[in-house]
Amino acid sequence: MIRFENVVKRFDGREVLAGVSFAVDKGEVLALVGPSGTGKSVTLKHLVRLLTPTSGSVWLDDTEISSARGKTLEAIRARIGYLFQGGALLGWLTVGENVALPLRERTNLDDVAIDRRVADALAAVDLSGAADLYPAEISGGMQKRAGLARVLVRECDIVLYDEPTSGLDPVTSTTINRLIRKLNKERGVTSIVVTHDLQGALLFADKVLMLKNGHVVEMAPPAEFVRSSNPEVREFLEAQFITPDLLEKKL
C-alpha cells in the first residue's frame, strides 16, 4: 500500500535520509523508532508531500506521492490524516468545533450530518462529554485525543502519528497507545506512528522500523525486533531496559 523506494533527502547538503526503503501493507500499524534527529518525522512528512525526496520515490498504491500535483495530490491527502505532536487545536474553538472544522471547510455536509460525524469521532476516542469544552479546559492527553478525533472525522483510511505520547505521563501514554490499536482493529486504518515510546510501540505495532543516521537498521514484528542480533538494535533496546518478556503484556 505505502512504499518508500531508496528515498534520499538532503537539506543544504546535509543528508537526513540515506536511501530509505520499506513497505507498509493495508491495515498494518508500523512504529517508526530510533534516536532523535535520525529522520523519523522527515520520513512521515514525505507521505503527505510536505517534503519531496532529493532522490527516490514514495508511493501510495499505484500513485507516486513524490511527484503528485493538483487534484492527484489533493486526492492522496484526502485519504491521509496527520496527528501532530501538540494536537494543533484552535484555542478559540470548542473541542466539538475543532473536530467539525475540516468538514465545514472541505465538505458540503449539512449541520445534522456534521454533528453526527463529530459525535461518532469523539465517541471513538472516549471524549463524548468534552464537545463543549475549550482546549485550555482539558488535559494534554485529552487534547491529543481531540486532535485524533479531528483526523477520524474525515474518515481517512491512513493515519500518521507524530509523537502521539510526547509530554504525556505513562498512564495517559498507555491510553493513547491502546487507542491507536483500537482504531486500527475497529476501523481498519493503516497507521504509521513516529514515537520515542518504544515499550508502547512493541505492544501496539504489527512491525517496528528503526532508523539511525538516515538508514533503516531493522524492520521486523515486535517479537523478532526485541530478539534482534543487530548491535545497534541491541544498544537501543538496552538503553530503554527492554527485554523479550515485555511482550507478554497485553494492551
Protein backbone atom coordinates (compact mmCIF):
# COMPACT_ATOMS: atom_id res chain seq x y z
CA MET A 1 0.00 0.00 0.00
CA ILE A 2 2.69 2.50 1.11
CA ARG A 3 6.20 2.18 -0.31
CA PHE A 4 9.43 4.10 0.10
CA GLU A 5 11.92 3.26 -2.63
CA ASN A 6 15.51 4.33 -1.97
CA VAL A 7 14.47 7.74 -0.61
CA VAL A 8 17.27 10.24 -0.09
CA LYS A 9 16.62 13.64 1.48
CA ARG A 10 19.20 16.38 1.85
CA PHE A 11 18.87 19.81 3.44
CA ASP A 12 21.59 22.26 2.39
CA GLY A 13 23.87 19.35 1.60
CA ARG A 14 23.17 17.53 4.88
CA GLU A 15 21.81 14.04 4.26
CA VAL A 16 18.91 13.21 6.60
CA LEU A 17 17.57 10.16 4.76
CA ALA A 18 20.16 7.97 3.06
CA GLY A 19 18.34 5.58 0.75
CA VAL A 20 15.35 4.56 2.89
CA SER A 21 13.23 1.68 1.57
CA PHE A 22 10.30 -0.06 3.26
CA ALA A 23 6.65 -1.01 2.69
CA VAL A 24 3.51 -0.94 4.82
CA ASP A 25 0.59 -3.20 3.93
CA LYS A 26 -3.05 -2.16 4.13
CA GLY A 27 -4.35 -2.31 7.69
CA GLU A 28 -0.90 -2.55 9.32
CA VAL A 29 0.42 -0.46 12.19
CA LEU A 30 4.07 0.47 11.69
CA ALA A 31 6.04 2.02 14.56
CA LEU A 32 8.90 4.23 13.39
CA VAL A 33 11.54 4.44 16.13
CA GLY A 34 15.15 5.49 16.57
CA PRO A 35 17.34 8.15 18.18
CA SER A 36 16.37 11.81 17.98
CA GLY A 37 17.34 13.58 14.77
CA THR A 38 17.56 10.40 12.74
CA GLY A 39 14.88 11.25 10.15
CA LYS A 40 11.65 9.82 11.58
CA SER A 41 9.47 12.91 11.24
CA VAL A 42 11.12 13.76 7.92
CA THR A 43 10.03 10.33 6.68
CA LEU A 44 6.46 10.98 7.78
CA LYS A 45 6.27 14.34 6.02
CA HIS A 46 7.14 12.73 2.69
CA LEU A 47 3.86 10.81 2.81
CA VAL A 48 1.76 13.97 2.53
CA ARG A 49 4.35 15.70 0.37
CA LEU A 50 5.17 18.34 2.90
CA LEU A 51 8.64 17.27 1.74
CA THR A 52 9.80 15.88 -1.60
CA PRO A 53 12.72 13.41 -1.86
CA THR A 54 16.05 14.62 -3.19
CA SER A 55 16.01 11.28 -4.99
CA GLY A 56 13.98 8.08 -4.81
CA SER A 57 10.19 7.83 -4.67
CA VAL A 58 7.23 7.43 -2.31
CA TRP A 59 4.12 5.52 -3.38
CA LEU A 60 0.55 5.08 -2.23
CA ASP A 61 -0.85 2.07 -4.06
CA ASP A 62 -0.05 2.78 -7.73
CA THR A 63 0.30 6.56 -7.34
CA GLU A 64 3.66 8.21 -6.82
CA ILE A 65 3.21 10.73 -4.00
CA SER A 66 6.61 12.29 -4.56
CA SER A 67 5.63 13.61 -8.00
CA ALA A 68 1.89 14.17 -7.44
CA ARG A 69 0.34 17.58 -8.11
CA GLY A 70 -3.03 19.26 -8.32
CA LYS A 71 -6.08 17.05 -7.96
CA THR A 72 -3.98 13.89 -7.68
CA LEU A 73 -2.19 15.29 -4.63
CA GLU A 74 -5.48 16.52 -3.17
CA ALA A 75 -6.94 13.02 -3.54
CA ILE A 76 -3.93 11.50 -1.78
CA ARG A 77 -4.10 13.97 1.09
CA ALA A 78 -7.84 13.35 1.46
CA ARG A 79 -7.02 9.74 2.33
CA ILE A 80 -4.41 10.63 4.95
CA GLY A 81 -4.93 12.03 8.43
CA TYR A 82 -1.98 13.61 10.24
CA LEU A 83 -1.88 13.89 14.02
CA PHE A 84 0.69 16.49 15.01
CA GLN A 85 2.63 16.37 18.28
CA GLY A 86 0.59 19.00 20.10
CA GLY A 87 -2.81 18.14 18.74
CA ALA A 88 -2.82 21.56 16.96
CA LEU A 89 -6.24 22.59 18.30
CA LEU A 90 -7.51 26.14 17.82
CA GLY A 91 -7.87 27.69 21.25
CA TRP A 92 -10.87 29.90 20.39
CA LEU A 93 -12.99 26.94 19.25
CA THR A 94 -14.56 24.27 21.44
CA VAL A 95 -13.44 20.66 21.11
CA GLY A 96 -16.53 19.89 19.06
CA GLU A 97 -15.95 22.89 16.79
CA ASN A 98 -12.31 21.87 16.32
CA VAL A 99 -13.34 18.37 15.29
CA ALA A 100 -16.01 19.71 12.92
CA LEU A 101 -13.65 22.21 11.26
CA PRO A 102 -12.35 20.01 8.38
CA LEU A 103 -15.91 19.03 7.49
CA ARG A 104 -17.11 22.62 7.45
CA GLU A 105 -14.12 23.75 5.38
CA ARG A 106 -13.90 20.88 2.89
CA THR A 107 -17.36 19.33 2.51
CA ASN A 108 -20.94 20.31 1.72
CA LEU A 109 -22.42 18.26 4.56
CA ASP A 110 -25.30 19.84 6.44
CA ASP A 111 -25.22 20.57 10.17
CA VAL A 112 -27.04 17.37 11.10
CA ALA A 113 -24.58 15.17 9.20
CA ILE A 114 -21.61 17.08 10.60
CA ASP A 115 -22.90 16.84 14.18
CA ARG A 116 -23.40 13.07 13.76
CA ARG A 117 -19.88 12.50 12.45
CA VAL A 118 -18.36 14.70 15.17
CA ALA A 119 -20.25 12.75 17.84
CA ASP A 120 -19.05 9.45 16.37
CA ALA A 121 -15.43 10.65 16.21
CA LEU A 122 -15.48 11.94 19.80
CA ALA A 123 -17.03 8.68 20.99
CA ALA A 124 -14.27 6.71 19.24
CA VAL A 125 -11.64 8.49 21.34
CA ASP A 126 -13.71 8.48 24.56
CA LEU A 127 -14.38 12.23 24.57
CA SER A 128 -18.16 12.33 24.20
CA GLY A 129 -18.51 14.63 27.21
CA ALA A 130 -15.91 17.17 26.08
CA ALA A 131 -17.54 18.63 22.96
CA ASP A 132 -18.42 21.98 24.60
CA LEU A 133 -15.10 22.46 26.39
CA TYR A 134 -12.25 24.59 25.11
CA PRO A 135 -8.71 23.20 24.62
CA ALA A 136 -7.42 25.14 27.65
CA GLU A 137 -10.02 23.36 29.80
CA ILE A 138 -8.83 19.82 29.03
CA SER A 139 -5.63 17.89 29.74
CA GLY A 140 -2.77 17.32 27.33
CA GLY A 141 -3.84 13.74 26.78
CA MET A 142 -7.39 14.85 26.02
CA GLN A 143 -6.04 17.41 23.57
CA LYS A 144 -4.17 14.63 21.76
CA ARG A 145 -7.36 12.58 21.61
CA ALA A 146 -9.34 15.58 20.35
CA GLY A 147 -6.74 16.07 17.62
CA LEU A 148 -7.16 12.42 16.69
CA ALA A 149 -10.95 12.82 16.58
CA ARG A 150 -10.46 15.69 14.12
CA VAL A 151 -8.45 13.27 11.95
CA LEU A 152 -11.03 10.49 12.25
CA VAL A 153 -14.00 12.69 11.39
CA ARG A 154 -12.66 12.89 7.83
CA GLU A 155 -12.91 9.08 7.59
CA CYS A 156 -9.34 8.68 6.31
CA ASP A 157 -8.00 5.19 5.71
CA ILE A 158 -4.42 6.16 6.64
CA VAL A 159 -3.38 7.91 9.86
CA LEU A 160 0.09 9.31 10.54
CA TYR A 161 1.02 9.97 14.17
CA ASP A 162 3.94 12.25 15.03
CA GLU A 163 4.99 11.53 18.64
CA PRO A 164 1.42 10.98 19.92
CA THR A 165 2.58 10.37 23.51
CA SER A 166 5.19 13.13 23.70
CA GLY A 167 4.99 15.00 27.01
CA LEU A 168 2.36 12.68 28.49
CA ASP A 169 2.57 10.69 31.72
CA PRO A 170 2.88 6.89 31.48
CA VAL A 171 -0.80 6.19 32.24
CA THR A 172 -2.02 8.65 29.60
CA SER A 173 0.56 7.35 27.12
CA THR A 174 -0.79 3.84 27.59
CA THR A 175 -4.31 5.15 26.92
CA ILE A 176 -3.16 6.72 23.64
CA ASN A 177 -1.29 3.57 22.61
CA ARG A 178 -4.34 1.42 23.28
CA LEU A 179 -6.43 3.85 21.28
CA ILE A 180 -4.12 3.55 18.26
CA ARG A 181 -4.57 -0.21 18.29
CA LYS A 182 -8.30 0.00 18.92
CA LEU A 183 -8.84 2.29 15.93
CA ASN A 184 -6.74 0.04 13.75
CA LYS A 185 -8.82 -3.00 14.68
CA GLU A 186 -12.23 -1.33 14.56
CA ARG A 187 -11.77 0.89 11.51
CA GLY A 188 -9.07 -0.98 9.60
CA VAL A 189 -6.93 2.14 9.21
CA THR A 190 -3.32 1.83 8.13
CA SER A 191 -1.13 3.64 10.66
CA ILE A 192 2.45 4.88 10.85
CA VAL A 193 3.48 6.05 14.29
CA VAL A 194 6.65 8.05 14.93
CA THR A 195 7.41 7.53 18.61
CA HIS A 196 10.07 7.53 21.31
CA ASP A 197 7.82 5.27 23.40
CA LEU A 198 9.41 2.00 22.32
CA GLN A 199 7.72 -0.03 25.06
CA GLY A 200 4.33 1.13 23.83
CA ALA A 201 5.30 0.60 20.20
CA LEU A 202 6.21 -3.02 20.85
CA LEU A 203 2.71 -3.61 22.16
CA PHE A 204 0.58 -1.81 19.55
CA ALA A 205 2.60 -2.23 16.33
CA ASP A 206 2.49 -5.00 13.75
CA LYS A 207 6.03 -4.06 12.69
CA VAL A 208 8.77 -1.89 14.15
CA LEU A 209 11.15 0.01 11.88
CA MET A 210 14.27 1.53 13.40
CA LEU A 211 16.07 4.41 11.70
CA LYS A 212 19.53 5.59 12.62
CA ASN A 213 21.54 8.24 10.80
CA GLY A 214 19.03 8.15 7.97
CA HIS A 215 19.35 4.39 7.37
CA VAL A 216 16.93 1.55 8.05
CA VAL A 217 18.65 -0.51 10.75
CA GLU A 218 15.92 -3.08 11.29
CA MET A 219 12.30 -3.73 10.35
CA ALA A 220 10.54 -6.66 12.00
CA PRO A 221 7.49 -7.74 14.01
CA PRO A 222 7.89 -6.84 17.71
CA ALA A 223 8.76 -10.39 18.82
CA GLU A 224 11.61 -10.50 16.29
CA PHE A 225 12.69 -6.91 16.89
CA VAL A 226 13.37 -7.45 20.61
CA ARG A 227 15.45 -10.55 19.77
CA SER A 228 17.47 -8.88 17.03
CA SER A 229 21.18 -9.61 16.97
CA ASN A 230 21.94 -6.25 15.32
CA PRO A 231 24.24 -4.41 17.77
CA GLU A 232 22.57 -1.05 17.11
CA VAL A 233 19.16 -2.51 17.91
CA ARG A 234 20.53 -4.24 21.00
CA GLU A 235 22.02 -0.95 22.23
CA PHE A 236 18.73 0.86 21.60
CA LEU A 237 16.70 -1.78 23.46
CA GLU A 238 19.09 -1.98 26.40
CA ALA A 239 19.08 1.80 26.81
CA GLN A 240 15.34 1.54 27.49
CA PHE A 241 15.61 -1.60 29.67
CA ILE A 242 13.53 -3.63 27.21
CA THR A 243 13.65 -7.42 27.26
CA PRO A 244 11.69 -10.04 25.27
CA ASP A 245 9.41 -10.86 28.20
CA LEU A 246 7.88 -7.39 27.88
CA LEU A 247 5.76 -8.74 25.03
CA GLU A 248 3.90 -10.99 27.47
CA LYS A 249 1.92 -7.89 28.48
CA LYS A 250 -1.20 -7.10 26.52
CA LEU A 251 -2.69 -3.77 25.59
